[in-house]
N, C-alpha and C. Protein backbone atom coordinates (compact mmCIF):
# COMPACT_ATOMS: atom_id res chain seq x y z
N UNK A 1 115.32 214.66 154.20
CA UNK A 1 115.73 213.34 153.74
C UNK A 1 114.49 212.49 153.48
N UNK A 2 114.56 211.65 152.45
CA UNK A 2 113.45 210.80 152.09
C UNK A 2 113.32 209.61 153.03
N UNK A 3 112.18 209.00 153.00
CA UNK A 3 111.91 207.83 153.82
C UNK A 3 112.62 206.61 153.24
N UNK A 4 113.32 205.86 154.07
CA UNK A 4 113.98 204.63 153.66
C UNK A 4 113.32 203.49 154.39
N UNK A 5 112.79 202.55 153.63
CA UNK A 5 112.13 201.42 154.27
C UNK A 5 113.16 200.42 154.76
N UNK A 6 112.87 199.81 155.88
CA UNK A 6 113.72 198.75 156.41
C UNK A 6 112.85 197.50 156.45
N UNK A 7 113.26 196.47 155.73
CA UNK A 7 112.48 195.26 155.62
C UNK A 7 113.16 194.12 156.35
N UNK A 8 112.40 193.45 157.18
CA UNK A 8 112.94 192.31 157.92
C UNK A 8 112.58 190.99 157.25
N UNK A 9 112.22 191.04 155.97
CA UNK A 9 111.83 189.86 155.23
C UNK A 9 112.34 189.98 153.80
N UNK A 10 112.47 188.87 153.09
CA UNK A 10 112.97 188.94 151.71
C UNK A 10 112.07 189.80 150.82
N UNK A 11 112.70 190.47 149.88
CA UNK A 11 111.96 191.31 148.93
C UNK A 11 112.63 191.20 147.57
N UNK A 12 111.84 191.34 146.52
CA UNK A 12 112.39 191.35 145.17
C UNK A 12 113.16 192.63 144.94
N UNK A 13 114.26 192.53 144.22
CA UNK A 13 115.10 193.67 143.92
C UNK A 13 114.84 194.12 142.49
N UNK A 14 114.69 195.40 142.31
CA UNK A 14 114.41 195.96 141.00
C UNK A 14 115.70 196.46 140.35
N UNK A 15 116.41 195.53 139.68
CA UNK A 15 117.60 195.88 138.90
C UNK A 15 117.25 195.77 137.42
N UNK A 16 117.99 196.45 136.57
CA UNK A 16 117.76 196.27 135.13
C UNK A 16 117.82 194.78 134.76
N UNK A 17 116.94 194.34 133.89
CA UNK A 17 116.78 192.91 133.59
C UNK A 17 118.00 192.25 132.98
N UNK A 18 118.86 193.00 132.31
CA UNK A 18 120.00 192.39 131.65
C UNK A 18 121.18 192.15 132.60
N UNK A 19 121.04 192.50 133.86
CA UNK A 19 122.12 192.30 134.82
C UNK A 19 122.01 190.95 135.52
N UNK A 20 123.15 190.28 135.64
CA UNK A 20 123.22 189.03 136.40
C UNK A 20 124.07 189.29 137.63
N UNK A 21 123.52 189.04 138.80
CA UNK A 21 124.22 189.29 140.05
C UNK A 21 125.11 188.11 140.39
N UNK A 22 126.36 188.40 140.76
CA UNK A 22 127.28 187.33 141.15
C UNK A 22 127.55 187.32 142.65
N UNK A 23 127.48 188.46 143.31
CA UNK A 23 127.77 188.56 144.74
C UNK A 23 126.82 189.55 145.40
N UNK A 24 126.35 189.21 146.60
CA UNK A 24 125.50 190.10 147.40
C UNK A 24 126.09 190.19 148.80
N UNK A 25 126.04 191.37 149.39
CA UNK A 25 126.43 191.53 150.78
C UNK A 25 125.51 192.55 151.43
N UNK A 26 125.15 192.29 152.69
CA UNK A 26 124.26 193.18 153.43
C UNK A 26 124.97 193.73 154.65
N UNK A 27 124.87 195.05 154.83
CA UNK A 27 125.33 195.69 156.06
C UNK A 27 124.16 195.77 157.01
N UNK A 28 124.28 196.59 158.04
CA UNK A 28 123.18 196.69 159.00
C UNK A 28 121.98 197.42 158.40
N UNK A 29 122.24 198.35 157.47
CA UNK A 29 121.15 199.12 156.86
C UNK A 29 121.38 199.42 155.39
N UNK A 30 122.28 198.69 154.75
CA UNK A 30 122.51 198.88 153.32
C UNK A 30 122.90 197.55 152.69
N UNK A 31 122.77 197.51 151.36
CA UNK A 31 123.06 196.29 150.61
C UNK A 31 123.86 196.66 149.37
N UNK A 32 124.71 195.73 148.94
CA UNK A 32 125.51 195.93 147.73
C UNK A 32 125.53 194.64 146.92
N UNK A 33 125.52 194.78 145.60
CA UNK A 33 125.66 193.62 144.72
C UNK A 33 126.73 193.91 143.67
N UNK A 34 127.42 192.86 143.28
CA UNK A 34 128.36 192.92 142.16
C UNK A 34 127.74 192.09 141.05
N UNK A 35 127.73 192.65 139.84
CA UNK A 35 127.18 191.93 138.70
C UNK A 35 128.28 191.11 138.02
N UNK A 36 127.87 190.17 137.19
CA UNK A 36 128.84 189.37 136.43
C UNK A 36 129.68 190.25 135.51
N UNK A 37 129.15 191.41 135.14
CA UNK A 37 129.90 192.36 134.31
C UNK A 37 130.85 193.24 135.09
N UNK A 38 130.92 193.07 136.43
CA UNK A 38 131.87 193.83 137.24
C UNK A 38 131.38 195.18 137.72
N UNK A 39 130.06 195.41 137.67
CA UNK A 39 129.52 196.67 138.17
C UNK A 39 129.06 196.49 139.61
N UNK A 40 129.14 197.57 140.39
CA UNK A 40 128.70 197.57 141.77
C UNK A 40 127.45 198.42 141.89
N UNK A 41 126.41 197.85 142.50
CA UNK A 41 125.16 198.57 142.79
C UNK A 41 124.96 198.56 144.30
N UNK A 42 124.54 199.71 144.85
CA UNK A 42 124.29 199.81 146.28
C UNK A 42 122.97 200.53 146.54
N UNK A 43 122.40 200.27 147.72
CA UNK A 43 121.19 200.98 148.15
C UNK A 43 121.02 200.81 149.64
N UNK A 44 120.17 201.65 150.22
CA UNK A 44 119.90 201.61 151.65
C UNK A 44 120.28 202.92 152.31
N UNK A 45 120.69 202.83 153.56
CA UNK A 45 121.05 203.99 154.36
C UNK A 45 122.46 204.44 153.98
N UNK A 46 122.63 205.72 153.65
CA UNK A 46 123.92 206.20 153.18
C UNK A 46 124.55 207.28 154.04
N UNK A 47 124.12 207.41 155.29
CA UNK A 47 124.56 208.51 156.15
C UNK A 47 126.07 208.66 156.25
N UNK A 48 126.81 207.58 156.20
CA UNK A 48 128.27 207.65 156.36
C UNK A 48 129.01 207.48 155.03
N UNK A 49 128.31 207.61 153.90
CA UNK A 49 128.94 207.48 152.59
C UNK A 49 129.19 206.04 152.17
N UNK A 50 128.63 205.09 152.90
CA UNK A 50 128.90 203.67 152.65
C UNK A 50 128.31 203.16 151.34
N UNK A 51 127.47 203.94 150.68
CA UNK A 51 126.93 203.50 149.38
C UNK A 51 127.90 203.78 148.24
N UNK A 52 128.88 204.65 148.46
CA UNK A 52 129.93 204.88 147.46
C UNK A 52 129.55 205.81 146.32
N UNK A 53 128.53 206.64 146.51
CA UNK A 53 128.10 207.53 145.44
C UNK A 53 128.66 208.95 145.58
N UNK A 54 129.59 209.14 146.51
CA UNK A 54 130.20 210.45 146.67
C UNK A 54 129.36 211.42 147.47
N UNK A 55 128.32 210.92 148.11
CA UNK A 55 127.48 211.76 148.95
C UNK A 55 127.00 210.92 150.14
N UNK A 56 126.09 211.45 150.89
CA UNK A 56 125.54 210.74 152.06
C UNK A 56 124.05 210.53 151.90
N UNK A 57 123.62 210.39 150.67
CA UNK A 57 122.21 210.21 150.36
C UNK A 57 121.81 208.75 150.52
N UNK A 58 120.66 208.53 151.13
CA UNK A 58 120.08 207.19 151.24
C UNK A 58 119.17 206.94 150.06
N UNK A 59 118.97 205.68 149.71
CA UNK A 59 118.15 205.36 148.55
C UNK A 59 117.53 203.98 148.69
N UNK A 60 116.24 203.87 148.39
CA UNK A 60 115.58 202.57 148.33
C UNK A 60 115.81 201.89 147.00
N UNK A 61 116.32 202.62 146.01
CA UNK A 61 116.55 202.08 144.68
C UNK A 61 118.04 201.77 144.49
N UNK A 62 118.33 200.62 143.92
CA UNK A 62 119.71 200.26 143.63
C UNK A 62 120.29 201.25 142.62
N UNK A 63 121.49 201.75 142.91
CA UNK A 63 122.17 202.69 142.01
C UNK A 63 123.57 202.16 141.72
N UNK A 64 123.97 202.26 140.46
CA UNK A 64 125.33 201.85 140.08
C UNK A 64 126.33 202.84 140.65
N UNK A 65 127.45 202.34 141.15
CA UNK A 65 128.52 203.20 141.67
C UNK A 65 129.34 203.66 140.48
N UNK A 66 129.08 204.89 140.06
CA UNK A 66 129.66 205.44 138.84
C UNK A 66 131.16 205.70 138.94
N UNK A 67 131.66 205.93 140.13
CA UNK A 67 133.10 206.20 140.29
C UNK A 67 133.95 205.03 139.77
N UNK A 68 133.52 203.81 140.03
CA UNK A 68 134.27 202.64 139.56
C UNK A 68 134.27 202.59 138.03
N UNK A 69 133.14 202.89 137.43
CA UNK A 69 133.03 202.91 135.96
C UNK A 69 133.95 203.98 135.38
N UNK A 70 133.90 205.18 135.98
CA UNK A 70 134.71 206.30 135.49
C UNK A 70 136.21 206.01 135.58
N UNK A 71 136.62 205.23 136.56
CA UNK A 71 138.03 204.90 136.74
C UNK A 71 138.43 203.64 135.97
N UNK A 72 137.48 203.01 135.28
CA UNK A 72 137.78 201.81 134.52
C UNK A 72 138.03 200.59 135.40
N UNK A 73 137.44 200.59 136.58
CA UNK A 73 137.64 199.49 137.53
C UNK A 73 136.49 198.49 137.46
N UNK A 74 136.83 197.24 137.61
CA UNK A 74 135.85 196.16 137.59
C UNK A 74 135.71 195.60 139.01
N UNK A 75 134.52 195.67 139.58
CA UNK A 75 134.28 195.11 140.91
C UNK A 75 134.28 193.59 140.82
N UNK A 76 135.00 192.95 141.73
CA UNK A 76 135.09 191.49 141.77
C UNK A 76 134.36 190.92 142.98
N UNK A 77 134.41 191.63 144.10
CA UNK A 77 133.84 191.12 145.34
C UNK A 77 133.45 192.31 146.22
N UNK A 78 132.40 192.14 147.03
CA UNK A 78 131.97 193.19 147.95
C UNK A 78 131.63 192.57 149.29
N UNK A 79 132.00 193.28 150.35
CA UNK A 79 131.66 192.87 151.71
C UNK A 79 131.19 194.12 152.45
N UNK A 80 129.98 194.06 152.99
CA UNK A 80 129.44 195.18 153.75
C UNK A 80 129.62 194.93 155.23
N UNK A 81 130.04 195.97 155.96
CA UNK A 81 130.08 195.94 157.41
C UNK A 81 128.90 196.73 157.94
N UNK A 82 128.86 197.00 159.25
CA UNK A 82 127.72 197.73 159.81
C UNK A 82 127.50 199.09 159.12
N UNK A 83 128.56 199.88 158.91
CA UNK A 83 128.43 201.18 158.27
C UNK A 83 129.51 201.38 157.21
N UNK A 84 129.97 200.30 156.62
CA UNK A 84 131.06 200.38 155.65
C UNK A 84 130.80 199.42 154.49
N UNK A 85 131.50 199.65 153.39
CA UNK A 85 131.45 198.75 152.24
C UNK A 85 132.87 198.61 151.71
N UNK A 86 133.32 197.37 151.57
CA UNK A 86 134.65 197.07 151.04
C UNK A 86 134.48 196.39 149.68
N UNK A 87 135.22 196.88 148.69
CA UNK A 87 135.11 196.33 147.34
C UNK A 87 136.49 195.93 146.84
N UNK A 88 136.60 194.73 146.32
CA UNK A 88 137.84 194.29 145.65
C UNK A 88 137.64 194.54 144.17
N UNK A 89 138.56 195.28 143.57
CA UNK A 89 138.44 195.66 142.16
C UNK A 89 139.67 195.22 141.37
N UNK A 90 139.49 195.15 140.05
CA UNK A 90 140.60 194.90 139.12
C UNK A 90 140.77 196.12 138.24
């Protein structure tokens, strides 16, 4: 498994420049954002599948949750728990 940094201070997020973030939520070791376009991006510790990418891979880079796109779902809101992520979709 790759090294995942844990930062106790604010850091700039490297998302594609054309994305506007509408909602952010932080779990104990992962973070999720919803864009104004309804996409969900997650990153951090993924041991319990809380990043939503269909695996248990951790990542320091924000990745779009492709399952929502494939199902034609638009993310409206996200709330992260200690090891979970809840998403309200349309």
